[in-house]
Amino acid sequence: MQAYKLNATIDESGHLIIDEPLNIAPGKVEVIILQPVPSLETSTESQPEKPKRQTKIKALQGWFEKTQPTPSDFDPDQARWEALKEKHNL
């Protein structure tokens, strides 16, 4: 199965409107819709450094201290897409 990533919008009547032209062969397709969640954090540069993460789970306390924060260029949608492609052998 070939995979495509497109940008689209849902109008007020609930119709899916694809923002860019698509040149694929006619036939049935499977559609997966991922709606982005608005981020509460506006900028990491203007905010003071976050305190260490606290947890009530004792087994995770040391693990949190050893882990690195996610890189600034990390794209969760891309990581999710890569995992789906690997899972379904795309």
Protein backbone atom coordinates (compact mmCIF):
# COMPACT_ATOMS: atom_id res chain seq x y z
CA MET A 1 0.00 0.00 0.00
CA GLN A 2 1.41 3.40 -0.99
CA ALA A 3 1.27 6.10 1.69
CA TYR A 4 0.69 9.84 1.18
CA LYS A 5 0.76 12.65 3.69
CA LEU A 6 -1.48 15.59 2.80
CA ASN A 7 -2.79 18.70 4.48
CA ALA A 8 -6.56 19.10 4.53
CA THR A 9 -9.36 20.87 6.38
CA ILE A 10 -12.83 19.90 7.52
CA ASP A 11 -15.43 22.55 6.64
CA GLU A 12 -18.45 23.48 8.76
CA SER A 13 -20.64 20.84 7.06
CA GLY A 14 -18.11 18.08 7.86
CA HIS A 15 -16.63 17.67 4.37
CA LEU A 16 -12.94 16.87 3.97
CA ILE A 17 -11.21 19.39 1.70
CA ILE A 18 -7.71 18.45 0.52
CA ASP A 19 -5.53 21.57 0.21
CA GLU A 20 -3.26 20.29 -2.58
CA PRO A 21 -3.77 18.40 -5.86
CA LEU A 22 -3.44 14.62 -5.67
CA ASN A 23 -2.40 12.48 -8.63
CA ILE A 24 -3.10 8.83 -7.79
CA ALA A 25 -4.90 6.00 -9.57
CA PRO A 26 -8.68 5.80 -8.97
CA GLY A 27 -9.92 3.17 -6.54
CA LYS A 28 -10.69 2.59 -2.89
CA VAL A 29 -8.46 4.25 -0.32
CA GLU A 30 -8.09 4.10 3.44
CA VAL A 31 -8.07 7.46 5.20
CA ILE A 32 -6.41 8.09 8.57
CA ILE A 33 -7.11 11.51 10.07
CA LEU A 34 -4.74 12.96 12.67
CA GLN A 35 -5.91 16.24 14.17
CA PRO A 36 -3.13 18.32 15.77
CA VAL A 37 -3.59 19.31 19.39
CA PRO A 38 -2.88 22.99 20.13
CA SER A 39 0.30 23.40 22.14
CA LEU A 40 0.13 25.23 25.45
CA GLU A 41 3.82 26.04 25.33
CA THR A 42 4.52 29.06 23.12
CA SER A 43 8.28 29.15 23.26
CA THR A 44 10.85 27.26 25.27
CA GLU A 45 13.33 30.13 24.97
CA SER A 46 11.22 32.67 26.86
CA GLN A 47 10.31 30.32 29.69
CA PRO A 48 12.58 29.58 32.62
CA GLU A 49 14.13 26.12 32.85
CA LYS A 50 11.64 23.57 34.09
CA PRO A 51 12.26 21.93 37.44
CA LYS A 52 13.10 18.24 37.50
CA ARG A 53 10.13 15.99 36.81
CA GLN A 54 8.63 14.58 39.95
CA THR A 55 6.84 11.26 40.21
CA LYS A 56 5.27 9.23 42.95
CA ILE A 57 6.56 6.05 41.30
CA LYS A 58 9.91 5.35 42.94
CA ALA A 59 11.12 3.14 40.09
CA LEU A 60 10.87 6.07 37.63
CA GLN A 61 12.59 8.74 39.75
CA GLY A 62 16.12 7.70 38.79
CA TRP A 63 15.10 7.07 35.19
CA PHE A 64 13.74 10.63 34.79
CA GLU A 65 17.06 12.04 36.00
CA LYS A 66 19.03 9.97 33.46
CA THR A 67 16.89 10.67 30.38
CA GLN A 68 17.49 13.57 28.04
CA PRO A 69 14.70 15.93 26.97
CA THR A 70 13.39 15.51 23.43
CA PRO A 71 15.35 17.45 20.80
CA SER A 72 13.87 20.72 19.54
CA ASP A 73 13.51 19.32 16.01
CA PHE A 74 11.57 16.21 17.14
CA ASP A 75 8.36 15.78 15.12
CA PRO A 76 5.88 13.53 16.95
CA ASP A 77 3.71 13.17 13.82
CA GLN A 78 6.69 11.96 11.80
CA ALA A 79 7.68 9.50 14.54
CA ARG A 80 4.09 8.20 14.71
CA TRP A 81 4.01 7.83 10.91
CA GLU A 82 7.35 5.96 10.87
CA ALA A 83 6.08 3.58 13.59
CA LEU A 84 2.88 2.90 11.62
CA LYS A 85 4.85 2.24 8.43
CA GLU A 86 7.11 -0.20 10.26
CA LYS A 87 4.22 -1.91 12.00
CA HIS A 88 2.24 -2.45 8.80
CA ASN A 89 5.24 -3.10 6.52
CA LEU A 90 4.55 -0.11 4.26
